[in-house]
Amino acid sequence: MSLVDSLVSFFRPDSPSLSRPAPPCRRARAAGGYSAEIEAAIDGVAIYVRHFANAVDDEGSSTDDVVDRVIIMSPSLRGSFVFSLDAAAERIALAFPEASEATVQRAVRHLASRVRARLAPEIAARRTSWVNGWMEGRAP
């Protein structure tokens, strides 16, 4: 067999010698694992926190407290929704029907960790250089 014949047989789709491995995202999807598409969809969400005074709670009664609602906006998860674990699982399962239940739960945990990171107060690192001490009135 000549070099040209072997190249032609290699690039022919029905060739038995064509045995390239599938990309990792396809292998993960075929195995029911966590795919790069789901991770990209979760990393691409916009997380907004809205404060509602005199809001209606989950039971339908009016409260005088200020209620924080976390709103998730993502075109890949089919629009926006108020974040809860059940709502996130439903949205991810609808957006990725090939995902297994374990994959959906893993994606929900990832999204919940992003929401927790967004809600956590940002703690600035305290600088300890002499310039900052001088500016605050402390002796070097």
C-alpha atoms as a PDB file:
ATOM      1  CA  MET A   1       0.000   0.000   0.000  1.00  0.00           C
ATOM      2  CA  SER A   2       1.396   3.371  -0.956  1.00  0.00           C
ATOM      3  CA  LEU A   3       1.504   6.448   1.237  1.00  0.00           C
ATOM      4  CA  VAL A   4      -1.300   8.097  -0.726  1.00  0.00           C
ATOM      5  CA  ASP A   5      -3.543   5.047  -0.365  1.00  0.00           C
ATOM      6  CA  SER A   6      -2.925   4.880   3.370  1.00  0.00           C
ATOM      7  CA  LEU A   7      -3.719   8.605   3.779  1.00  0.00           C
ATOM      8  CA  VAL A   8      -6.881   8.252   1.738  1.00  0.00           C
ATOM      9  CA  SER A   9      -7.984   5.245   3.755  1.00  0.00           C
ATOM     10  CA  PHE A  10      -7.184   7.074   6.996  1.00  0.00           C
ATOM     11  CA  PHE A  11      -9.307  10.117   6.144  1.00  0.00           C
ATOM     12  CA  ARG A  12     -12.175   8.136   4.664  1.00  0.00           C
ATOM     13  CA  PRO A  13     -15.079   8.055   7.166  1.00  0.00           C
ATOM     14  CA  ASP A  14     -15.811   4.359   6.663  1.00  0.00           C
ATOM     15  CA  SER A  15     -12.207   3.393   7.243  1.00  0.00           C
ATOM     16  CA  PRO A  16     -11.673   0.875  10.051  1.00  0.00           C
ATOM     17  CA  SER A  17      -8.334   2.517  10.849  1.00  0.00           C
ATOM     18  CA  LEU A  18     -10.125   5.729  11.843  1.00  0.00           C
ATOM     19  CA  SER A  19     -10.310   5.319  15.591  1.00  0.00           C
ATOM     20  CA  ARG A  20      -9.747   8.742  17.083  1.00  0.00           C
ATOM     21  CA  PRO A  21     -10.891   9.173  20.660  1.00  0.00           C
ATOM     22  CA  ALA A  22     -13.922  11.340  21.250  1.00  0.00           C
ATOM     23  CA  PRO A  23     -13.363  14.792  22.736  1.00  0.00           C
ATOM     24  CA  PRO A  24     -13.571  14.920  26.546  1.00  0.00           C
ATOM     25  CA  CYS A  25     -16.930  16.736  26.589  1.00  0.00           C
ATOM     26  CA  ARG A  26     -18.515  14.036  24.405  1.00  0.00           C
ATOM     27  CA  ARG A  27     -16.985  11.253  26.499  1.00  0.00           C
ATOM     28  CA  ALA A  28     -18.313  12.856  29.678  1.00  0.00           C
ATOM     29  CA  ARG A  29     -21.741  13.354  28.156  1.00  0.00           C
ATOM     30  CA  ALA A  30     -21.833   9.755  26.932  1.00  0.00           C
ATOM     31  CA  ALA A  31     -20.849   8.523  30.388  1.00  0.00           C
ATOM     32  CA  GLY A  32     -23.423  10.778  32.062  1.00  0.00           C
ATOM     33  CA  GLY A  33     -20.660  12.915  33.566  1.00  0.00           C
ATOM     34  CA  TYR A  34     -20.267  16.621  34.088  1.00  0.00           C
ATOM     35  CA  SER A  35     -19.749  18.160  30.657  1.00  0.00           C
ATOM     36  CA  ALA A  36     -17.966  21.330  29.669  1.00  0.00           C
ATOM     37  CA  GLU A  37     -21.222  22.659  28.223  1.00  0.00           C
ATOM     38  CA  ILE A  38     -22.927  22.557  31.615  1.00  0.00           C
ATOM     39  CA  GLU A  39     -19.938  24.134  33.310  1.00  0.00           C
ATOM     40  CA  ALA A  40     -19.830  26.916  30.699  1.00  0.00           C
ATOM     41  CA  ALA A  41     -23.548  27.544  31.151  1.00  0.00           C
ATOM     42  CA  ILE A  42     -23.144  27.885  34.919  1.00  0.00           C
ATOM     43  CA  ASP A  43     -20.029  30.034  34.648  1.00  0.00           C
ATOM     44  CA  GLY A  44     -21.896  32.330  32.262  1.00  0.00           C
ATOM     45  CA  VAL A  45     -24.822  33.146  34.528  1.00  0.00           C
ATOM     46  CA  ALA A  46     -25.409  36.630  35.868  1.00  0.00           C
ATOM     47  CA  ILE A  47     -26.303  36.699  39.560  1.00  0.00           C
ATOM     48  CA  TYR A  48     -28.335  39.622  40.894  1.00  0.00           C
ATOM     49  CA  VAL A  49     -29.455  40.235  44.454  1.00  0.00           C
ATOM     50  CA  ARG A  50     -32.660  42.181  44.954  1.00  0.00           C
ATOM     51  CA  HIS A  51     -33.884  43.479  48.306  1.00  0.00           C
ATOM     52  CA  PHE A  52     -37.646  43.545  48.789  1.00  0.00           C
ATOM     53  CA  ALA A  53     -39.305  45.330  51.702  1.00  0.00           C
ATOM     54  CA  ASN A  54     -42.775  44.187  52.772  1.00  0.00           C
ATOM     55  CA  ALA A  55     -42.474  41.180  50.526  1.00  0.00           C
ATOM     56  CA  VAL A  56     -44.678  38.133  50.387  1.00  0.00           C
ATOM     57  CA  ASP A  57     -42.958  35.042  51.759  1.00  0.00           C
ATOM     58  CA  ASP A  58     -43.230  31.503  50.404  1.00  0.00           C
ATOM     59  CA  GLU A  59     -46.427  30.772  52.356  1.00  0.00           C
ATOM     60  CA  GLY A  60     -48.182  33.795  50.848  1.00  0.00           C
ATOM     61  CA  SER A  61     -48.295  35.999  53.937  1.00  0.00           C
ATOM     62  CA  SER A  62     -46.948  39.536  53.941  1.00  0.00           C
ATOM     63  CA  THR A  63     -43.848  40.294  55.999  1.00  0.00           C
ATOM     64  CA  ASP A  64     -42.349  43.538  57.240  1.00  0.00           C
ATOM     65  CA  ASP A  65     -38.827  42.230  56.844  1.00  0.00           C
ATOM     66  CA  VAL A  66     -36.468  42.993  54.022  1.00  0.00           C
ATOM     67  CA  VAL A  67     -36.154  39.866  51.913  1.00  0.00           C
ATOM     68  CA  ASP A  68     -33.199  39.146  49.667  1.00  0.00           C
ATOM     69  CA  ARG A  69     -34.002  37.342  46.442  1.00  0.00           C
ATOM     70  CA  VAL A  70     -31.253  35.962  44.246  1.00  0.00           C
ATOM     71  CA  ILE A  71     -32.098  36.174  40.571  1.00  0.00           C
ATOM     72  CA  ILE A  72     -30.203  34.053  38.069  1.00  0.00           C
ATOM     73  CA  MET A  73     -30.140  35.262  34.483  1.00  0.00           C
ATOM     74  CA  SER A  74     -28.782  33.009  31.780  1.00  0.00           C
ATOM     75  CA  PRO A  75     -29.843  32.448  28.185  1.00  0.00           C
ATOM     76  CA  SER A  76     -28.355  28.958  28.267  1.00  0.00           C
ATOM     77  CA  LEU A  77     -30.599  28.031  31.220  1.00  0.00           C
ATOM     78  CA  ARG A  78     -33.667  29.373  29.399  1.00  0.00           C
ATOM     79  CA  GLY A  79     -34.044  32.837  30.858  1.00  0.00           C
ATOM     80  CA  SER A  80     -34.139  34.132  34.397  1.00  0.00           C
ATOM     81  CA  PHE A  81     -35.476  32.633  37.601  1.00  0.00           C
ATOM     82  CA  VAL A  82     -35.448  33.211  41.348  1.00  0.00           C
ATOM     83  CA  PHE A  83     -32.773  30.948  42.767  1.00  0.00           C
ATOM     84  CA  SER A  84     -33.665  27.937  44.832  1.00  0.00           C
ATOM     85  CA  LEU A  85     -32.136  24.477  44.695  1.00  0.00           C
ATOM     86  CA  ASP A  86     -35.298  22.985  43.185  1.00  0.00           C
ATOM     87  CA  ALA A  87     -35.669  25.724  40.563  1.00  0.00           C
ATOM     88  CA  ALA A  88     -32.009  25.413  39.581  1.00  0.00           C
ATOM     89  CA  ALA A  89     -32.267  21.637  39.237  1.00  0.00           C
ATOM     90  CA  GLU A  90     -35.381  22.012  37.092  1.00  0.00           C
ATOM     91  CA  ARG A  91     -33.750  24.616  34.821  1.00  0.00           C
ATOM     92  CA  ILE A  92     -30.549  22.622  34.363  1.00  0.00           C
ATOM     93  CA  ALA A  93     -32.481  19.412  33.657  1.00  0.00           C
ATOM     94  CA  LEU A  94     -34.593  21.219  31.038  1.00  0.00           C
ATOM     95  CA  ALA A  95     -31.599  22.865  29.394  1.00  0.00           C
ATOM     96  CA  PHE A  96     -29.542  19.645  29.316  1.00  0.00           C
ATOM     97  CA  PRO A  97     -31.896  16.672  28.914  1.00  0.00           C
ATOM     98  CA  GLU A  98     -28.984  14.282  28.298  1.00  0.00           C
ATOM     99  CA  ALA A  99     -27.592  14.940  31.792  1.00  0.00           C
ATOM    100  CA  SER A 100     -28.118  12.298  34.451  1.00  0.00           C
ATOM    101  CA  GLU A 101     -29.616  13.063  37.852  1.00  0.00           C
ATOM    102  CA  ALA A 102     -26.164  12.962  39.471  1.00  0.00           C
ATOM    103  CA  THR A 103     -24.852  15.416  36.885  1.00  0.00           C
ATOM    104  CA  VAL A 104     -27.752  17.782  37.504  1.00  0.00           C
ATOM    105  CA  GLN A 105     -27.172  17.660  41.271  1.00  0.00           C
ATOM    106  CA  ARG A 106     -23.470  18.355  40.763  1.00  0.00           C
ATOM    107  CA  ALA A 107     -24.306  21.327  38.539  1.00  0.00           C
ATOM    108  CA  VAL A 108     -26.770  22.647  41.135  1.00  0.00           C
ATOM    109  CA  ARG A 109     -24.069  22.445  43.817  1.00  0.00           C
ATOM    110  CA  HIS A 110     -21.703  24.363  41.518  1.00  0.00           C
ATOM    111  CA  LEU A 111     -24.318  27.062  40.928  1.00  0.00           C
ATOM    112  CA  ALA A 112     -25.112  27.235  44.658  1.00  0.00           C
ATOM    113  CA  SER A 113     -21.425  27.748  45.443  1.00  0.00           C
ATOM    114  CA  ARG A 114     -21.297  30.618  42.954  1.00  0.00           C
ATOM    115  CA  VAL A 115     -24.372  32.175  44.601  1.00  0.00           C
ATOM    116  CA  ARG A 116     -22.803  31.796  48.073  1.00  0.00           C
ATOM    117  CA  ALA A 117     -19.608  33.415  46.817  1.00  0.00           C
ATOM    118  CA  ARG A 118     -21.644  36.300  45.405  1.00  0.00           C
ATOM    119  CA  LEU A 119     -23.551  36.803  48.647  1.00  0.00           C
ATOM    120  CA  ALA A 120     -20.505  36.571  50.938  1.00  0.00           C
ATOM    121  CA  PRO A 121     -19.265  39.942  52.090  1.00  0.00           C
ATOM    122  CA  GLU A 122     -16.027  40.834  50.467  1.00  0.00           C
ATOM    123  CA  ILE A 123     -13.337  41.153  53.090  1.00  0.00           C
ATOM    124  CA  ALA A 124     -10.541  43.441  52.029  1.00  0.00           C
ATOM    125  CA  ALA A 125      -7.072  42.319  52.929  1.00  0.00           C
ATOM    126  CA  ARG A 126      -5.487  44.590  55.492  1.00  0.00           C
ATOM    127  CA  ARG A 127      -2.308  46.130  54.211  1.00  0.00           C
ATOM    128  CA  THR A 128       0.509  46.411  56.687  1.00  0.00           C
ATOM    129  CA  SER A 129       3.045  48.646  54.968  1.00  0.00           C
ATOM    130  CA  TRP A 130       4.508  51.725  56.650  1.00  0.00           C
ATOM    131  CA  VAL A 131       2.838  53.997  54.083  1.00  0.00           C
ATOM    132  CA  ASN A 132      -0.621  52.885  55.098  1.00  0.00           C
ATOM    133  CA  GLY A 133       0.300  53.302  58.762  1.00  0.00           C
ATOM    134  CA  TRP A 134       1.610  56.803  58.122  1.00  0.00           C
ATOM    135  CA  MET A 135      -1.599  57.733  56.282  1.00  0.00           C
ATOM    136  CA  GLU A 136      -3.690  56.504  59.233  1.00  0.00           C
ATOM    137  CA  GLY A 137      -1.598  58.488  61.733  1.00  0.00           C
ATOM    138  CA  ARG A 138       0.482  55.670  63.185  1.00  0.00           C
ATOM    139  CA  ALA A 139       4.204  56.002  63.654  1.00  0.00           C
ATOM    140  CA  PRO A 140       6.392  53.819  61.404  1.00  0.00           C
END
